[in-house]
Amino acid sequence: MASPLNKLLRELVAGDTSALEVRDVDGERGIFATRDIAAGEVVLDVDESCFITESRCEEVLSRKQKHGEAVDALSIDAKFCLYLIVQRARGGSLYVDSLPRCFSTLDYASEKEIKVLQSAARIRKVRARRQKLRAQYRSLADAISDTDGGILRDPAEAEHVTPEAYVWAYNVIDSRAFSYKAGYVLIPFADMFNHDPRGISDFGRRPTSDGFYFRFTGSDQHRTLQAGEQVFLRYNTWMGSFQFIKHYGFADFDSTLEYERYPLDVVQLVKRPAGRGLPSESDEDEDEVSGTTINAAKLQFMESHELCNGGIQLTSGHLRSAAAGDARHGGIEAAGPSGMFDENLLAALRVACLPRSLKGLDKVAQGAPVSVENELAVYSRLLSLIEVELAGFDTTVSEDVSFLKQRGGGLPRVAELCLRLRMRDKQLLAIAHASARACHRALARCAYFDEPLPILPCPPHKALSSHIGAAVGRLHQQSTQLLAPGL
């Protein structure tokens, strides 16, 4: 496939691609240098005319007047998915034919493989994403059905739009699309770069004209790419292992260490009466002094006082999303291996622990603690959340290491990724617990001796920074020394 693909892409990409070529090595496809490439050199410059854009995807849609509204109502995701599904069914598109037939993402995991994660928070997010994709597919299927396939140029092609085909197409755009202008695009050739944290990091829109460029920046240890070397791209600078597995179907557990997110969310903080998705005004069973949930009264107050100052992006809308089961806004993040907790979750906890008078909400909006008592309640709740999550794991890290050592070579790829991820989660949660415990003790001392609250970030965090970073490294090294290298 690599040879004809190179030929076609030389014709498609309006720019010099002579320094690069596609090769298949051991069943994996990648982009390789055909000559030496120096640091600072633009290795690929692609004009917008080569992109697969939203408007280009509409080529498979009908613009007949009676179907115009239905076409306009389609989301950008739906248009891209329809385009990819139809082009794959038609055949003859070398680009679409070169795309993977399936992926190793969690969308393709069996229920048994998902349960390997053991983490309730992780499993909840996997199922939420699957539910989202099912809803998107149903919406698209309804649009096709309501028009008897008329939104497609060829109504007969509607038979190819199946749930399985939609999941495939969505994974294509989720793993290969580039953000561009107000949306995203697919860029043939450029989406064949494989990931490496030391790869090209200088890429994006041309500064003076429509298009995309990729510049090899090099490093102190790697100033020149030699002819024959694979050219890598650094996909992003913020994703942890779970995000990599979710979007790309792989994880480099070494390079994602700095960006890992603990598997916790704010779902438990929002009071949900039986049978209802959101808190109601009649929720009166909360502790009068320091409630542990965010009830309707607090949500109502926050409607007119959004907590979005001082870098805190926690609003009542976020918490309503959490009440509906969407945990996206509630992670605890290790900001680097420093053990710092995500301010959005701390803000949610501070609100949850406020008295009914809501005194101190202005401080929460500024990213500051309310009082020693409130902050002590925050870390008590945080410890409880971490302990509940840790208790949900059925195995220890040592047992996981032993199992992976015995069965690693025979596990399906997704199952192995899930197993490695749950090992990482346990390590991070243990470290998070140690960090939260130290902060809790320091705050308890402040409360006992009636000392003032320290200014954030509080000393316990700073004091633990180097210790936690070293602890993460030690735990990771211990668990990987016994495993086969790489994935």
Protein backbone atom coordinates (compact mmCIF):
# COMPACT_ATOMS: atom_id res chain seq x y z
CA MET A 1 0.00 0.00 0.00
CA ALA A 2 2.83 2.42 0.82
CA SER A 3 4.11 2.76 -2.76
CA PRO A 4 0.82 3.70 -4.50
CA LEU A 5 -0.08 5.83 -1.49
CA ASN A 6 3.13 7.79 -1.92
CA LYS A 7 2.37 8.32 -5.59
CA LEU A 8 -1.10 9.62 -4.92
CA LEU A 9 -0.03 11.85 -2.08
CA ARG A 10 2.70 13.42 -4.20
CA GLU A 11 -0.15 14.51 -6.46
CA LEU A 12 -2.55 15.54 -3.69
CA VAL A 13 -0.28 17.54 -1.40
CA ALA A 14 0.35 20.95 -2.95
CA GLY A 15 3.86 21.32 -1.59
CA ASP A 16 7.26 19.69 -1.46
CA THR A 17 6.98 16.21 0.07
CA SER A 18 10.26 14.91 -1.31
CA ALA A 19 11.82 14.69 2.15
CA LEU A 20 9.18 12.22 3.33
CA GLU A 21 7.62 8.94 2.32
CA VAL A 22 5.18 6.40 3.72
CA ARG A 23 6.58 3.00 4.63
CA ASP A 24 5.17 -0.19 6.12
CA VAL A 25 7.46 -1.69 8.76
CA ASP A 26 6.47 -4.84 10.66
CA GLY A 27 2.82 -4.24 9.89
CA GLU A 28 2.92 -0.64 11.09
CA ARG A 29 2.68 2.34 8.77
CA GLY A 30 4.65 5.51 9.36
CA ILE A 31 6.35 8.48 7.69
CA PHE A 32 10.11 8.31 7.14
CA ALA A 33 12.78 10.79 6.09
CA THR A 34 14.20 10.22 2.60
CA ARG A 35 17.12 12.57 3.33
CA ASP A 36 18.70 14.30 6.32
CA ILE A 37 16.40 16.90 7.88
CA ALA A 38 17.91 19.72 9.94
CA ALA A 39 16.33 21.35 12.98
CA GLY A 40 14.13 24.28 11.98
CA GLU A 41 13.26 22.82 8.60
CA VAL A 42 9.62 22.66 7.47
CA VAL A 43 9.18 19.03 6.47
CA LEU A 44 5.60 19.31 5.23
CA ASP A 45 3.58 22.28 4.03
CA VAL A 46 0.01 21.45 2.96
CA ASP A 47 -2.33 23.85 1.19
CA GLU A 48 -5.95 24.04 2.34
CA SER A 49 -7.09 22.81 -1.08
CA CYS A 50 -5.79 19.35 -0.09
CA PHE A 51 -7.83 19.15 3.10
CA ILE A 52 -10.96 17.10 3.61
CA THR A 53 -13.18 19.81 5.04
CA GLU A 54 -16.78 20.03 6.19
CA SER A 55 -17.80 21.52 2.84
CA ARG A 56 -16.04 18.73 0.98
CA CYS A 57 -17.87 16.16 3.08
CA GLU A 58 -21.12 17.69 1.89
CA GLU A 59 -20.33 16.39 -1.60
CA VAL A 60 -22.03 13.11 -0.65
CA LEU A 61 -25.13 15.00 0.55
CA SER A 62 -28.12 16.17 -1.45
CA ARG A 63 -28.78 19.87 -1.74
CA LYS A 64 -32.29 19.48 -3.07
CA GLN A 65 -34.49 22.19 -1.65
CA LYS A 66 -36.81 19.88 0.26
CA HIS A 67 -33.86 18.35 2.14
CA GLY A 68 -31.89 21.54 2.73
CA GLU A 69 -32.99 22.00 6.33
CA ALA A 70 -32.14 18.41 7.24
CA VAL A 71 -28.66 18.76 5.75
CA ASP A 72 -28.03 22.06 7.51
CA ALA A 73 -29.10 20.50 10.80
CA LEU A 74 -26.39 17.82 10.60
CA SER A 75 -23.44 18.32 12.94
CA ILE A 76 -19.89 18.50 11.62
CA ASP A 77 -19.30 15.05 13.14
CA ALA A 78 -22.27 13.61 11.27
CA LYS A 79 -21.11 15.09 7.96
CA PHE A 80 -17.59 13.73 8.31
CA CYS A 81 -18.89 10.31 9.39
CA LEU A 82 -21.30 10.15 6.45
CA TYR A 83 -18.53 11.11 4.03
CA LEU A 84 -16.15 8.45 5.34
CA ILE A 85 -18.83 5.74 5.43
CA VAL A 86 -20.00 6.46 1.89
CA GLN A 87 -16.47 6.71 0.48
CA ARG A 88 -15.49 3.43 2.12
CA ALA A 89 -18.58 1.71 0.70
CA ARG A 90 -17.93 3.07 -2.79
CA GLY A 91 -14.27 2.06 -2.75
CA GLY A 92 -11.64 3.56 -5.04
CA SER A 93 -10.56 6.31 -2.61
CA LEU A 94 -6.97 5.43 -1.86
CA TYR A 95 -6.94 7.69 1.18
CA VAL A 96 -10.10 6.23 2.74
CA ASP A 97 -9.08 2.71 1.74
CA SER A 98 -5.77 3.23 3.57
CA LEU A 99 -7.49 4.04 6.87
CA PRO A 100 -7.53 1.42 9.65
CA ARG A 101 -10.42 -1.05 9.48
CA CYS A 102 -10.85 -0.97 13.27
CA PHE A 103 -9.20 0.60 16.30
CA SER A 104 -7.84 -0.41 19.70
CA THR A 105 -9.79 2.29 21.49
CA LEU A 106 -12.21 1.62 24.32
CA ASP A 107 -15.09 2.03 21.85
CA TYR A 108 -14.10 -1.40 20.53
CA ALA A 109 -13.60 -3.03 23.94
CA SER A 110 -15.90 -5.81 25.02
CA GLU A 111 -17.82 -5.53 28.29
CA LYS A 112 -15.37 -8.01 29.79
CA GLU A 113 -12.40 -5.86 28.71
CA ILE A 114 -14.01 -2.69 30.11
CA LYS A 115 -14.41 -4.38 33.49
CA VAL A 116 -10.65 -4.97 33.53
CA LEU A 117 -10.36 -1.26 34.39
CA GLN A 118 -12.04 -1.97 37.77
CA SER A 119 -12.29 1.80 38.39
CA ALA A 120 -15.92 2.92 38.67
CA ALA A 121 -14.98 6.42 37.50
CA ARG A 122 -13.16 5.12 34.40
CA ILE A 123 -15.94 2.66 33.51
CA ARG A 124 -18.52 5.42 33.92
CA LYS A 125 -16.66 7.60 31.43
CA VAL A 126 -16.28 4.77 28.90
CA ARG A 127 -19.99 4.04 29.03
CA ALA A 128 -20.87 7.74 28.84
CA ARG A 129 -18.86 8.04 25.61
CA ARG A 130 -20.56 4.97 24.16
CA GLN A 131 -23.92 6.41 25.07
CA LYS A 132 -22.96 9.66 23.34
CA LEU A 133 -22.00 7.83 20.14
CA ARG A 134 -25.24 5.82 20.17
CA ALA A 135 -27.22 9.04 20.54
CA GLN A 136 -25.32 10.68 17.68
CA TYR A 137 -25.91 7.67 15.46
CA ARG A 138 -29.64 7.59 16.27
CA SER A 139 -29.92 11.28 15.44
CA LEU A 140 -28.20 10.71 12.09
CA ALA A 141 -30.26 7.59 11.36
CA ASP A 142 -33.45 9.53 12.12
CA ALA A 143 -32.42 12.29 9.69
CA ILE A 144 -31.82 9.70 6.98
CA SER A 145 -35.07 7.87 7.75
CA ASP A 146 -37.17 11.05 7.86
CA THR A 147 -36.02 11.93 4.33
CA ASP A 148 -36.12 8.34 2.99
CA GLY A 149 -32.40 8.64 2.44
CA GLY A 150 -32.92 11.86 0.53
CA ILE A 151 -30.20 13.77 2.35
CA LEU A 152 -27.72 11.58 0.48
CA ARG A 153 -27.02 12.14 -3.19
CA ASP A 154 -27.59 8.43 -3.65
CA PRO A 155 -30.35 7.33 -1.23
CA ALA A 156 -29.34 3.68 -1.75
CA GLU A 157 -26.11 4.40 0.12
CA ALA A 158 -28.10 4.83 3.34
CA GLU A 159 -27.87 1.07 3.90
CA HIS A 160 -24.17 1.46 4.69
CA VAL A 161 -24.85 3.82 7.60
CA THR A 162 -24.88 1.33 10.47
CA PRO A 163 -23.98 1.75 14.16
CA GLU A 164 -20.72 -0.12 13.56
CA ALA A 165 -19.84 2.06 10.58
CA TYR A 166 -20.56 5.22 12.59
CA VAL A 167 -18.27 4.13 15.45
CA TRP A 168 -15.52 3.40 12.90
CA ALA A 169 -15.90 6.77 11.19
CA TYR A 170 -16.01 8.63 14.50
CA ASN A 171 -12.79 6.94 15.60
CA VAL A 172 -11.16 8.04 12.33
CA ILE A 173 -11.90 11.71 12.94
CA ASP A 174 -11.26 11.45 16.68
CA SER A 175 -7.77 10.01 16.17
CA ARG A 176 -6.71 11.72 12.94
CA ALA A 177 -8.40 15.11 12.54
CA PHE A 178 -6.56 18.40 13.07
CA SER A 179 -8.20 21.45 14.62
CA TYR A 180 -8.47 24.13 11.97
CA LYS A 181 -10.20 27.52 12.01
CA ALA A 182 -13.60 27.04 13.68
CA GLY A 183 -13.72 23.26 13.22
CA TYR A 184 -11.43 20.46 12.13
CA VAL A 185 -10.11 18.85 8.95
CA LEU A 186 -8.53 15.62 7.76
CA ILE A 187 -5.15 16.11 6.10
CA PRO A 188 -4.08 13.17 3.91
CA PHE A 189 -0.47 12.14 4.54
CA ALA A 190 -0.12 14.35 7.62
CA ASP A 191 -2.41 12.06 9.61
CA MET A 192 0.02 9.19 9.09
CA PHE A 193 2.63 10.60 11.48
CA ASN A 194 2.98 8.30 14.46
CA HIS A 195 3.28 9.68 17.98
CA ASP A 196 6.42 10.23 20.00
CA PRO A 197 6.80 12.78 22.83
CA ARG A 198 10.08 13.91 21.24
CA GLY A 199 8.51 14.27 17.80
CA ILE A 200 7.55 17.40 15.86
CA SER A 201 5.86 19.84 18.20
CA ASP A 202 5.85 22.91 15.95
CA PHE A 203 2.86 22.48 13.67
CA GLY A 204 -0.32 24.39 12.94
CA ARG A 205 -1.91 26.91 10.62
CA ARG A 206 0.30 28.80 8.22
CA PRO A 207 0.88 32.34 9.50
CA THR A 208 0.19 34.08 6.18
CA SER A 209 -2.05 31.81 4.07
CA ASP A 210 -4.57 28.98 4.38
CA GLY A 211 -2.89 25.68 5.06
CA PHE A 212 -0.91 23.67 7.60
CA TYR A 213 2.82 23.31 8.21
CA PHE A 214 4.98 20.83 10.15
CA ARG A 215 8.43 21.94 11.27
CA PHE A 216 11.10 19.66 12.72
CA THR A 217 12.30 21.54 15.79
CA GLY A 218 14.97 19.13 16.99
CA SER A 219 16.43 19.00 20.49
CA ASP A 220 19.81 19.16 22.18
CA GLN A 221 20.16 15.41 21.76
CA HIS A 222 18.51 15.16 18.36
CA ARG A 223 19.51 18.05 16.12
CA THR A 224 19.15 16.23 12.81
CA LEU A 225 16.86 13.54 11.45
CA GLN A 226 18.90 11.05 9.47
CA ALA A 227 17.70 9.66 6.14
CA GLY A 228 15.74 6.49 6.86
CA GLU A 229 14.59 7.56 10.34
CA GLN A 230 10.89 7.67 11.13
CA VAL A 231 9.48 11.19 11.52
CA PHE A 232 7.20 11.41 14.56
CA LEU A 233 4.64 13.95 15.69
CA ARG A 234 3.90 14.86 19.30
CA TYR A 235 0.12 14.60 19.30
CA ASN A 236 -0.49 16.89 22.28
CA THR A 237 1.01 18.19 25.49
CA TRP A 238 -1.77 17.55 27.99
CA MET A 239 -3.20 14.04 27.69
CA GLY A 240 -2.72 11.29 30.25
CA SER A 241 -2.81 7.56 29.57
CA PHE A 242 -6.60 7.26 29.75
CA GLN A 243 -7.07 10.01 27.18
CA PHE A 244 -4.52 8.43 24.84
CA ILE A 245 -6.24 5.04 25.04
CA LYS A 246 -9.66 6.64 24.58
CA HIS A 247 -8.71 8.72 21.54
CA TYR A 248 -5.85 6.79 19.90
CA GLY A 249 -5.94 3.22 21.16
CA PHE A 250 -2.46 3.22 22.68
CA ALA A 251 -0.56 4.75 25.57
CA ASP A 252 3.07 5.55 26.27
CA PHE A 253 2.94 5.23 30.04
CA ASP A 254 6.39 6.80 30.40
CA SER A 255 5.70 10.00 28.47
CA THR A 256 2.19 10.56 29.88
CA LEU A 257 3.33 10.43 33.51
CA GLU A 258 3.43 14.21 33.83
CA TYR A 259 -0.18 14.62 32.65
CA GLU A 260 -1.98 11.78 34.41
CA ARG A 261 -5.39 12.42 35.91
CA TYR A 262 -6.60 10.58 38.98
CA PRO A 263 -9.83 8.64 38.32
CA LEU A 264 -12.17 10.70 40.48
CA ASP A 265 -15.12 12.88 39.55
CA VAL A 266 -17.74 15.14 41.14
CA VAL A 267 -20.75 12.95 40.48
CA GLN A 268 -21.06 12.01 44.16
CA LEU A 269 -21.04 15.68 45.19
CA VAL A 270 -24.33 16.53 43.51
CA LYS A 271 -27.50 15.57 45.34
CA ARG A 272 -29.79 13.52 43.11
CA PRO A 273 -33.13 12.57 44.67
CA ALA A 274 -34.46 9.16 43.67
CA GLY A 275 -36.13 9.25 40.28
CA ARG A 276 -34.83 12.70 39.32
CA GLY A 277 -31.73 13.74 37.46
CA LEU A 278 -31.21 17.11 39.19
CA PRO A 279 -31.51 18.37 42.75
CA SER A 280 -34.84 19.87 43.71
CA GLU A 281 -35.80 22.73 46.00
CA SER A 282 -37.16 20.22 48.54
CA ASP A 283 -33.77 18.72 49.40
CA GLU A 284 -33.81 19.52 53.10
CA ASP A 285 -31.91 16.57 54.54
CA GLU A 286 -28.48 18.10 54.10
CA ASP A 287 -26.30 18.87 57.12
CA GLU A 288 -27.19 22.43 58.25
CA VAL A 289 -23.62 23.36 59.05
CA SER A 290 -21.35 21.79 56.47
CA GLY A 291 -23.30 19.83 53.89
CA THR A 292 -21.42 17.34 51.78
CA THR A 293 -23.44 17.71 48.58
CA ILE A 294 -24.32 20.52 46.22
CA ASN A 295 -28.07 20.89 46.56
CA ALA A 296 -30.61 22.95 44.64
CA ALA A 297 -30.13 26.04 46.82
CA LYS A 298 -26.41 26.15 46.06
CA LEU A 299 -26.98 25.51 42.37
CA GLN A 300 -29.55 28.29 42.21
CA PHE A 301 -27.20 30.76 43.87
CA MET A 302 -24.41 29.76 41.50
CA GLU A 303 -26.63 30.40 38.47
CA SER A 304 -26.17 34.13 39.04
CA HIS A 305 -22.65 33.92 40.52
CA GLU A 306 -20.66 31.75 38.16
CA LEU A 307 -17.35 30.62 39.59
CA CYS A 308 -15.21 31.61 36.65
CA ASN A 309 -12.83 34.16 38.12
CA GLY A 310 -9.22 33.60 39.04
CA GLY A 311 -8.87 30.73 36.59
CA ILE A 312 -11.59 28.62 38.25
CA GLN A 313 -13.87 27.29 35.52
CA LEU A 314 -16.46 25.66 37.76
CA THR A 315 -20.02 26.83 37.11
CA SER A 316 -23.48 25.64 38.05
CA GLY A 317 -23.67 24.32 34.50
CA HIS A 318 -20.71 22.03 35.20
CA LEU A 319 -22.38 20.74 38.33
CA ARG A 320 -25.69 20.21 36.56
CA SER A 321 -23.76 18.18 33.99
CA ALA A 322 -22.33 16.15 36.85
CA ALA A 323 -25.83 15.62 38.21
CA ALA A 324 -26.79 14.19 34.84
CA GLY A 325 -23.85 11.82 35.02
CA ASP A 326 -21.28 13.76 32.99
CA ALA A 327 -17.99 13.62 34.89
CA ARG A 328 -15.86 15.61 32.47
CA HIS A 329 -15.43 18.61 34.74
CA GLY A 330 -14.45 16.83 37.90
CA GLY A 331 -11.06 15.21 37.60
CA ILE A 332 -8.27 15.51 40.11
CA GLU A 333 -5.19 16.28 38.09
CA ALA A 334 -1.57 15.68 38.94
CA ALA A 335 -0.17 18.89 37.49
CA GLY A 336 3.08 17.29 36.61
CA PRO A 337 4.16 14.68 39.14
CA SER A 338 3.84 17.36 41.84
CA GLY A 339 0.66 16.00 43.39
CA MET A 340 -1.19 19.29 42.99
CA PHE A 341 -4.96 18.79 43.00
CA ASP A 342 -7.13 20.21 40.25
CA GLU A 343 -8.67 23.51 41.31
CA ASN A 344 -12.03 22.69 39.72
CA LEU A 345 -12.51 19.72 42.01
CA LEU A 346 -11.28 21.64 45.05
CA ALA A 347 -13.75 24.42 44.20
CA ALA A 348 -16.58 21.87 43.93
CA LEU A 349 -15.63 20.42 47.30
CA ARG A 350 -15.47 23.88 48.88
CA VAL A 351 -18.95 24.68 47.63
CA ALA A 352 -20.23 21.31 48.79
CA CYS A 353 -18.90 21.96 52.28
CA LEU A 354 -20.24 25.50 52.58
CA PRO A 355 -23.02 26.15 55.13
CA ARG A 356 -26.49 26.96 53.81
CA SER A 357 -25.74 30.66 54.14
CA LEU A 358 -23.15 30.18 51.35
CA LYS A 359 -20.83 32.50 53.24
CA GLY A 360 -17.43 32.37 51.57
CA LEU A 361 -18.59 31.62 48.02
CA ASP A 362 -16.78 34.74 46.79
CA LYS A 363 -13.48 33.26 47.98
CA VAL A 364 -14.19 30.01 46.15
CA ALA A 365 -14.72 32.02 42.96
CA GLN A 366 -11.22 33.45 43.36
CA GLY A 367 -9.68 30.02 43.79
CA ALA A 368 -9.03 30.58 47.48
CA PRO A 369 -9.97 28.44 50.48
CA VAL A 370 -12.87 29.70 52.58
CA SER A 371 -11.67 28.91 56.07
CA VAL A 372 -9.63 26.39 58.00
CA GLU A 373 -12.82 24.51 58.92
CA ASN A 374 -14.09 24.44 55.34
CA GLU A 375 -10.73 23.37 53.95
CA LEU A 376 -10.46 20.64 56.56
CA ALA A 377 -13.89 19.36 55.48
CA VAL A 378 -12.73 19.53 51.85
CA TYR A 379 -9.75 17.27 52.46
CA SER A 380 -11.82 14.94 54.64
CA ARG A 381 -14.23 14.53 51.72
CA LEU A 382 -11.34 14.16 49.29
CA LEU A 383 -9.81 11.40 51.39
CA SER A 384 -13.17 9.66 51.52
CA LEU A 385 -13.58 9.84 47.72
CA ILE A 386 -10.09 8.43 47.16
CA GLU A 387 -10.63 5.64 49.69
CA VAL A 388 -13.93 4.66 48.07
CA GLU A 389 -12.27 4.52 44.65
CA LEU A 390 -9.32 2.49 45.96
CA ALA A 391 -11.69 0.08 47.68
CA GLY A 392 -13.36 -0.57 44.33
CA PHE A 393 -10.28 -2.30 42.93
CA ASP A 394 -10.38 -6.08 43.24
CA THR A 395 -6.63 -6.60 42.91
CA THR A 396 -3.38 -5.06 44.11
CA VAL A 397 -0.63 -3.65 41.90
CA SER A 398 1.57 -6.62 42.80
CA GLU A 399 -1.16 -9.04 41.69
CA ASP A 400 -1.59 -7.10 38.45
CA VAL A 401 2.15 -7.21 37.76
CA SER A 402 2.24 -10.94 38.42
CA PHE A 403 -0.77 -11.55 36.16
CA LEU A 404 0.65 -9.43 33.36
CA LYS A 405 3.99 -11.17 33.63
CA GLN A 406 2.29 -14.55 33.22
CA ARG A 407 -0.34 -13.64 30.63
CA GLY A 408 0.96 -10.44 29.03
CA GLY A 409 1.79 -11.98 25.67
CA GLY A 410 -1.60 -13.66 25.35
CA LEU A 411 -3.86 -10.75 26.28
CA PRO A 412 -5.85 -8.85 23.64
CA ARG A 413 -4.38 -5.39 23.06
CA VAL A 414 -7.28 -3.48 24.63
CA ALA A 415 -7.33 -5.77 27.69
CA GLU A 416 -3.60 -5.24 28.21
CA LEU A 417 -4.01 -1.47 27.94
CA CYS A 418 -6.85 -1.55 30.49
CA LEU A 419 -4.76 -3.66 32.85
CA ARG A 420 -1.78 -1.32 32.63
CA LEU A 421 -4.06 1.67 33.10
CA ARG A 422 -5.61 0.28 36.27
CA MET A 423 -2.11 -0.31 37.65
CA ARG A 424 -1.28 3.34 36.98
CA ASP A 425 -4.57 4.46 38.54
CA LYS A 426 -3.88 2.58 41.76
CA GLN A 427 -0.40 4.08 41.99
CA LEU A 428 -1.68 7.61 41.44
CA LEU A 429 -4.58 7.22 43.85
CA ALA A 430 -2.22 5.94 46.54
CA ILE A 431 0.00 8.98 46.04
CA ALA A 432 -3.03 11.29 45.96
CA HIS A 433 -4.17 9.79 49.25
CA ALA A 434 -0.76 10.43 50.81
CA SER A 435 -0.82 14.03 49.57
CA ALA A 436 -4.38 14.65 50.78
CA ARG A 437 -3.58 13.03 54.14
CA ALA A 438 -0.58 15.33 54.64
CA CYS A 439 -2.68 18.40 53.78
CA HIS A 440 -5.44 17.19 56.12
CA ARG A 441 -2.98 16.82 58.99
CA ALA A 442 -1.52 20.28 58.39
CA LEU A 443 -5.01 21.80 58.34
CA ALA A 444 -6.02 19.89 61.47
CA ARG A 445 -3.01 21.42 63.19
CA CYS A 446 -4.11 24.90 62.06
CA ALA A 447 -7.59 24.23 63.45
CA TYR A 448 -6.27 22.86 66.78
CA PHE A 449 -3.87 25.73 67.42
CA ASP A 450 -6.22 28.32 65.91
CA GLU A 451 -3.62 29.26 63.30
CA PRO A 452 -4.49 31.20 60.14
CA LEU A 453 -5.05 29.37 56.88
CA PRO A 454 -1.99 29.35 54.58
CA ILE A 455 -2.27 31.00 51.17
CA LEU A 456 -2.67 28.57 48.27
CA PRO A 457 -0.89 26.67 47.01
CA CYS A 458 -0.57 25.55 50.62
CA PRO A 459 2.81 24.45 52.03
CA PRO A 460 1.87 20.74 52.29
CA HIS A 461 1.57 20.63 48.49
CA LYS A 462 4.92 22.31 47.96
CA ALA A 463 6.66 20.24 50.57
CA LEU A 464 5.38 17.06 48.99
CA SER A 465 6.14 18.03 45.39
CA SER A 466 9.56 16.42 45.04
CA HIS A 467 8.59 13.49 47.26
CA ILE A 468 5.49 12.70 45.18
CA GLY A 469 7.36 13.05 41.90
CA ALA A 470 9.97 10.59 43.12
CA ALA A 471 7.29 8.24 44.46
CA VAL A 472 5.47 8.15 41.13
CA GLY A 473 8.72 7.39 39.39
CA ARG A 474 9.61 4.60 41.81
CA LEU A 475 6.19 2.96 41.60
CA HIS A 476 6.19 3.18 37.82
CA GLN A 477 9.69 1.75 37.58
CA GLN A 478 8.85 -1.13 39.92
CA SER A 479 5.78 -2.08 37.91
CA THR A 480 7.45 -1.83 34.51
CA GLN A 481 10.70 -3.61 35.28
CA LEU A 482 8.85 -6.92 35.34
CA LEU A 483 6.90 -6.26 32.16
CA ALA A 484 7.73 -6.66 28.49
CA PRO A 485 9.07 -3.34 27.17
CA GLY A 486 6.66 -1.09 25.30
CA LEU A 487 3.21 -1.71 23.89
